[in-house]
């Protein structure tokens, strides 16, 4: 992969953890604070490469219907997305958060 000439992007984004409010669905009520139940949020400056740029470089089969993304963190959480709707046109592969490299444990 060539990195020279690759278009980098930098954006401020609000991020909410998918685990927010999860304890509310447990059979036994959790006596946690509001912060613990709903406060898994952050706002940061993210720097990376548009996913569309990487897919253009790597090539994507025009007949592809689905794509799967898998995190590099220990749980290896994966998500699938429809390749035809192209939600990845606005997706960034972030390499930096607030000017610092993202650690491997962040996925």
N, C-alpha and C. Protein backbone atom coordinates (compact mmCIF):
# COMPACT_ATOMS: atom_id res chain seq x y z
N UNK A 1 0.85 -1.18 0.00
CA UNK A 1 0.00 0.00 0.00
C UNK A 1 0.89 1.23 0.00
N UNK A 2 0.59 2.20 -0.82
CA UNK A 2 1.30 3.47 -0.86
C UNK A 2 0.67 4.41 0.15
N UNK A 3 1.49 5.03 0.98
CA UNK A 3 0.95 6.01 1.93
C UNK A 3 1.13 7.43 1.43
N UNK A 4 2.08 7.63 0.54
CA UNK A 4 2.23 8.96 -0.04
C UNK A 4 1.07 9.23 -0.97
N UNK A 5 0.48 10.37 -0.83
CA UNK A 5 -0.65 10.72 -1.67
C UNK A 5 -1.99 10.25 -1.12
N UNK A 6 -1.97 9.48 -0.03
CA UNK A 6 -3.23 9.06 0.59
C UNK A 6 -3.83 10.26 1.31
N UNK A 7 -5.10 10.45 1.13
CA UNK A 7 -5.80 11.58 1.76
C UNK A 7 -6.16 11.22 3.20
N UNK A 8 -5.56 11.95 4.14
CA UNK A 8 -5.87 11.78 5.55
C UNK A 8 -7.03 12.71 5.90
N UNK A 9 -7.79 12.36 6.90
CA UNK A 9 -8.86 13.24 7.34
C UNK A 9 -8.81 13.36 8.86
N UNK A 10 -9.32 14.46 9.36
CA UNK A 10 -9.35 14.74 10.79
C UNK A 10 -10.72 15.32 11.11
N UNK A 11 -11.38 14.70 12.09
CA UNK A 11 -12.74 15.12 12.43
C UNK A 11 -12.97 15.00 13.93
N UNK A 12 -13.78 15.88 14.45
CA UNK A 12 -14.26 15.78 15.84
C UNK A 12 -15.55 14.97 15.80
N UNK A 13 -15.63 13.93 16.64
CA UNK A 13 -16.81 13.08 16.66
C UNK A 13 -17.19 12.71 18.08
N UNK A 14 -18.48 12.63 18.29
CA UNK A 14 -19.07 12.14 19.53
C UNK A 14 -19.22 10.63 19.38
N UNK A 15 -18.80 9.88 20.38
CA UNK A 15 -18.86 8.42 20.32
C UNK A 15 -19.62 7.92 21.55
N UNK A 16 -20.58 7.04 21.32
CA UNK A 16 -21.31 6.40 22.41
C UNK A 16 -21.05 4.91 22.35
N UNK A 17 -20.72 4.33 23.49
CA UNK A 17 -20.45 2.90 23.58
C UNK A 17 -21.73 2.10 23.35
N UNK A 18 -21.61 1.00 22.63
CA UNK A 18 -22.75 0.13 22.40
C UNK A 18 -23.25 -0.52 23.67
N UNK A 19 -22.45 -0.48 24.74
CA UNK A 19 -22.85 -1.07 26.01
C UNK A 19 -23.68 -0.14 26.89
N UNK A 20 -23.87 1.10 26.45
CA UNK A 20 -24.69 2.02 27.24
C UNK A 20 -26.07 1.43 27.47
N UNK A 21 -26.55 1.54 28.68
CA UNK A 21 -27.88 1.07 29.10
C UNK A 21 -28.02 -0.45 29.13
N UNK A 22 -26.98 -1.19 28.79
CA UNK A 22 -27.08 -2.66 28.79
C UNK A 22 -27.50 -3.24 30.14
N UNK A 23 -27.00 -2.71 31.27
CA UNK A 23 -27.43 -3.29 32.55
C UNK A 23 -28.94 -3.19 32.80
N UNK A 24 -29.63 -2.31 32.10
CA UNK A 24 -31.07 -2.20 32.29
C UNK A 24 -31.82 -3.43 31.76
N UNK A 25 -31.15 -4.23 30.96
CA UNK A 25 -31.79 -5.40 30.37
C UNK A 25 -31.49 -6.68 31.14
N UNK A 26 -30.75 -6.57 32.25
CA UNK A 26 -30.46 -7.73 33.08
C UNK A 26 -31.71 -8.12 33.86
N UNK A 27 -31.82 -9.39 34.21
CA UNK A 27 -32.96 -9.88 34.98
C UNK A 27 -32.96 -9.24 36.36
N UNK A 28 -31.78 -9.16 36.99
CA UNK A 28 -31.66 -8.56 38.31
C UNK A 28 -31.29 -7.09 38.14
N UNK A 29 -32.00 -6.22 38.79
CA UNK A 29 -31.75 -4.78 38.68
C UNK A 29 -30.34 -4.43 39.16
N UNK A 30 -29.67 -3.60 38.41
CA UNK A 30 -28.33 -3.15 38.76
C UNK A 30 -28.44 -1.84 39.52
N UNK A 31 -27.75 -1.74 40.62
CA UNK A 31 -27.81 -0.53 41.44
C UNK A 31 -26.67 0.42 41.10
N UNK A 32 -26.40 0.60 39.83
CA UNK A 32 -25.30 1.46 39.39
C UNK A 32 -25.78 2.90 39.27
N UNK A 33 -24.81 3.79 39.20
CA UNK A 33 -25.12 5.22 39.04
C UNK A 33 -25.54 5.50 37.60
N UNK A 34 -26.12 6.68 37.40
CA UNK A 34 -26.50 7.10 36.05
C UNK A 34 -25.27 7.14 35.15
N UNK A 35 -24.13 7.61 35.69
CA UNK A 35 -22.90 7.68 34.92
C UNK A 35 -22.50 6.28 34.43
N UNK A 36 -22.60 5.28 35.32
CA UNK A 36 -22.20 3.92 34.95
C UNK A 36 -23.17 3.31 33.94
N UNK A 37 -24.44 3.66 34.02
CA UNK A 37 -25.44 3.09 33.12
C UNK A 37 -25.47 3.76 31.75
N UNK A 38 -25.34 5.07 31.72
CA UNK A 38 -25.54 5.81 30.47
C UNK A 38 -24.37 6.69 30.08
N UNK A 39 -23.29 6.70 30.85
CA UNK A 39 -22.22 7.67 30.64
C UNK A 39 -21.04 7.20 29.82
N UNK A 40 -21.19 6.12 29.09
CA UNK A 40 -20.07 5.61 28.30
C UNK A 40 -20.00 6.37 26.97
N UNK A 41 -19.59 7.64 27.06
CA UNK A 41 -19.54 8.52 25.89
C UNK A 41 -18.23 9.29 25.90
N UNK A 42 -17.86 9.79 24.75
CA UNK A 42 -16.67 10.64 24.66
C UNK A 42 -16.77 11.51 23.42
N UNK A 43 -15.95 12.52 23.40
CA UNK A 43 -15.83 13.39 22.24
C UNK A 43 -14.34 13.57 22.00
N UNK A 44 -13.88 13.32 20.80
CA UNK A 44 -12.45 13.38 20.53
C UNK A 44 -12.20 13.79 19.09
N UNK A 45 -10.95 14.18 18.85
CA UNK A 45 -10.51 14.45 17.49
C UNK A 45 -9.89 13.16 16.95
N UNK A 46 -10.43 12.68 15.85
CA UNK A 46 -9.97 11.44 15.24
C UNK A 46 -9.25 11.77 13.94
N UNK A 47 -8.12 11.10 13.70
CA UNK A 47 -7.36 11.28 12.47
C UNK A 47 -7.15 9.91 11.85
N UNK A 48 -7.40 9.81 10.55
CA UNK A 48 -7.24 8.53 9.89
C UNK A 48 -7.40 8.64 8.40
N UNK A 49 -7.75 7.53 7.80
CA UNK A 49 -7.88 7.41 6.36
C UNK A 49 -9.31 6.99 6.04
N UNK A 50 -9.95 7.63 5.07
CA UNK A 50 -11.30 7.20 4.70
C UNK A 50 -11.30 5.74 4.25
N UNK A 51 -12.26 4.97 4.72
CA UNK A 51 -12.37 3.56 4.32
C UNK A 51 -12.53 3.45 2.81
N UNK A 52 -13.22 4.38 2.20
CA UNK A 52 -13.40 4.34 0.74
C UNK A 52 -12.06 4.39 0.03
N UNK A 53 -11.09 5.14 0.56
CA UNK A 53 -9.75 5.20 -0.03
C UNK A 53 -9.07 3.85 0.04
N UNK A 54 -9.16 3.19 1.20
CA UNK A 54 -8.53 1.87 1.36
C UNK A 54 -9.19 0.83 0.45
N UNK A 55 -10.52 0.89 0.33
CA UNK A 55 -11.21 -0.06 -0.54
C UNK A 55 -10.87 0.18 -2.01
N UNK A 56 -10.69 1.44 -2.39
CA UNK A 56 -10.27 1.74 -3.77
C UNK A 56 -8.89 1.16 -4.03
N UNK A 57 -7.99 1.28 -3.05
CA UNK A 57 -6.62 0.75 -3.19
C UNK A 57 -6.61 -0.77 -3.25
N UNK A 58 -7.40 -1.39 -2.37
CA UNK A 58 -7.41 -2.85 -2.28
C UNK A 58 -8.27 -3.48 -3.36
N UNK A 59 -9.27 -2.75 -3.79
CA UNK A 59 -10.23 -3.30 -4.76
C UNK A 59 -11.35 -4.01 -4.03
N UNK A 60 -12.56 -3.77 -4.45
CA UNK A 60 -13.72 -4.44 -3.87
C UNK A 60 -14.51 -5.04 -5.04
N UNK A 61 -14.93 -6.26 -4.87
CA UNK A 61 -15.67 -6.95 -5.92
C UNK A 61 -16.99 -6.21 -6.15
N UNK A 62 -17.26 -5.78 -7.37
CA UNK A 62 -18.51 -5.06 -7.63
C UNK A 62 -19.75 -5.88 -7.32
N UNK A 63 -19.61 -7.21 -7.25
CA UNK A 63 -20.75 -8.08 -6.93
C UNK A 63 -20.90 -8.31 -5.42
N UNK A 64 -19.98 -7.74 -4.63
CA UNK A 64 -20.04 -7.94 -3.17
C UNK A 64 -21.33 -7.38 -2.61
N UNK A 65 -21.95 -8.15 -1.71
CA UNK A 65 -23.19 -7.72 -1.07
C UNK A 65 -22.96 -7.27 0.37
N UNK A 66 -22.01 -7.88 1.06
CA UNK A 66 -21.76 -7.60 2.46
C UNK A 66 -20.28 -7.45 2.72
N UNK A 67 -19.96 -6.67 3.74
CA UNK A 67 -18.58 -6.54 4.21
C UNK A 67 -18.60 -6.81 5.71
N UNK A 68 -17.49 -7.34 6.22
CA UNK A 68 -17.35 -7.58 7.66
C UNK A 68 -16.13 -6.82 8.15
N UNK A 69 -16.29 -6.08 9.23
CA UNK A 69 -15.19 -5.38 9.88
C UNK A 69 -14.96 -6.04 11.23
N UNK A 70 -13.69 -6.30 11.54
CA UNK A 70 -13.35 -6.94 12.81
C UNK A 70 -12.32 -6.11 13.53
N UNK A 71 -12.56 -5.87 14.82
CA UNK A 71 -11.62 -5.09 15.63
C UNK A 71 -10.35 -5.86 15.90
N UNK A 72 -9.27 -5.13 16.16
CA UNK A 72 -7.99 -5.74 16.47
C UNK A 72 -7.78 -5.94 17.96
N UNK A 73 -8.78 -5.62 18.78
CA UNK A 73 -8.67 -5.80 20.22
C UNK A 73 -8.95 -7.25 20.58
N UNK A 74 -8.62 -7.66 21.80
CA UNK A 74 -8.78 -9.08 22.17
C UNK A 74 -10.15 -9.70 21.93
N UNK A 75 -11.28 -9.01 22.14
CA UNK A 75 -12.55 -9.69 21.87
C UNK A 75 -12.81 -9.92 20.38
N UNK A 76 -12.08 -9.22 19.50
CA UNK A 76 -12.26 -9.34 18.04
C UNK A 76 -13.73 -9.18 17.64
N UNK A 77 -14.37 -8.14 18.16
CA UNK A 77 -15.77 -7.88 17.84
C UNK A 77 -15.88 -7.57 16.36
N UNK A 78 -16.87 -8.15 15.71
CA UNK A 78 -17.05 -7.90 14.27
C UNK A 78 -18.47 -7.42 14.00
N UNK A 79 -18.58 -6.65 12.94
CA UNK A 79 -19.87 -6.14 12.48
C UNK A 79 -19.94 -6.28 10.97
N UNK A 80 -21.11 -6.61 10.48
CA UNK A 80 -21.28 -6.69 9.03
C UNK A 80 -22.09 -5.47 8.58
N UNK A 81 -21.87 -5.09 7.34
CA UNK A 81 -22.60 -3.97 6.77
C UNK A 81 -22.85 -4.25 5.30
N UNK A 82 -23.91 -3.71 4.80
CA UNK A 82 -24.28 -3.91 3.41
C UNK A 82 -23.32 -3.13 2.51
N UNK A 83 -22.66 -3.81 1.60
CA UNK A 83 -21.70 -3.17 0.71
C UNK A 83 -22.39 -2.36 -0.37
N UNK A 84 -23.61 -2.67 -0.69
CA UNK A 84 -24.31 -1.97 -1.77
C UNK A 84 -24.84 -0.61 -1.35
N UNK A 85 -25.18 -0.45 -0.09
CA UNK A 85 -25.68 0.84 0.37
C UNK A 85 -24.55 1.83 0.59
N UNK A 86 -23.35 1.33 0.64
CA UNK A 86 -22.13 2.12 0.76
C UNK A 86 -22.11 3.07 1.94
N UNK A 87 -22.47 2.59 3.15
CA UNK A 87 -22.34 3.47 4.32
C UNK A 87 -20.88 3.76 4.61
N UNK A 88 -19.99 2.96 4.03
CA UNK A 88 -18.57 3.12 4.27
C UNK A 88 -18.00 4.34 3.56
N UNK A 89 -18.79 5.01 2.74
CA UNK A 89 -18.28 6.20 2.06
C UNK A 89 -17.92 7.30 3.06
N UNK A 90 -18.55 7.32 4.23
CA UNK A 90 -18.26 8.33 5.24
C UNK A 90 -17.53 7.75 6.46
N UNK A 91 -17.08 6.50 6.35
CA UNK A 91 -16.40 5.83 7.45
C UNK A 91 -14.91 6.10 7.42
N UNK A 92 -14.33 6.34 8.58
CA UNK A 92 -12.89 6.57 8.69
C UNK A 92 -12.24 5.43 9.46
N UNK A 93 -11.09 4.98 8.99
CA UNK A 93 -10.26 4.06 9.76
C UNK A 93 -9.34 4.95 10.59
N UNK A 94 -9.66 5.09 11.85
CA UNK A 94 -8.93 6.01 12.72
C UNK A 94 -7.61 5.39 13.17
N UNK A 95 -6.56 6.19 13.11
CA UNK A 95 -5.24 5.77 13.57
C UNK A 95 -4.75 6.61 14.74
N UNK A 96 -5.37 7.79 14.92
CA UNK A 96 -4.98 8.69 16.00
C UNK A 96 -6.23 9.21 16.70
N UNK A 97 -6.12 9.37 18.01
CA UNK A 97 -7.18 10.00 18.81
C UNK A 97 -6.53 11.13 19.60
N UNK A 98 -7.03 12.34 19.39
CA UNK A 98 -6.47 13.53 20.04
C UNK A 98 -4.96 13.64 19.82
N UNK A 99 -4.52 13.30 18.61
CA UNK A 99 -3.11 13.47 18.24
C UNK A 99 -2.20 12.33 18.66
N UNK A 100 -2.70 11.31 19.33
CA UNK A 100 -1.88 10.19 19.77
C UNK A 100 -2.33 8.91 19.08
N UNK A 101 -1.36 8.03 18.76
CA UNK A 101 -1.69 6.76 18.13
C UNK A 101 -2.69 5.99 18.97
N UNK A 102 -3.63 5.35 18.31
CA UNK A 102 -4.59 4.51 19.02
C UNK A 102 -3.88 3.24 19.45
N UNK A 103 -4.08 2.87 20.70
CA UNK A 103 -3.43 1.66 21.25
C UNK A 103 -4.16 0.42 20.74
N UNK A 104 -3.44 -0.71 20.60
CA UNK A 104 -4.07 -1.93 20.10
C UNK A 104 -5.28 -2.39 20.90
N UNK A 105 -5.29 -2.13 22.20
CA UNK A 105 -6.41 -2.53 23.03
C UNK A 105 -7.71 -1.80 22.70
N UNK A 106 -7.62 -0.72 21.94
CA UNK A 106 -8.81 0.02 21.54
C UNK A 106 -9.46 -0.56 20.29
N UNK A 107 -8.87 -1.58 19.74
CA UNK A 107 -9.49 -2.25 18.60
C UNK A 107 -8.97 -1.76 17.29
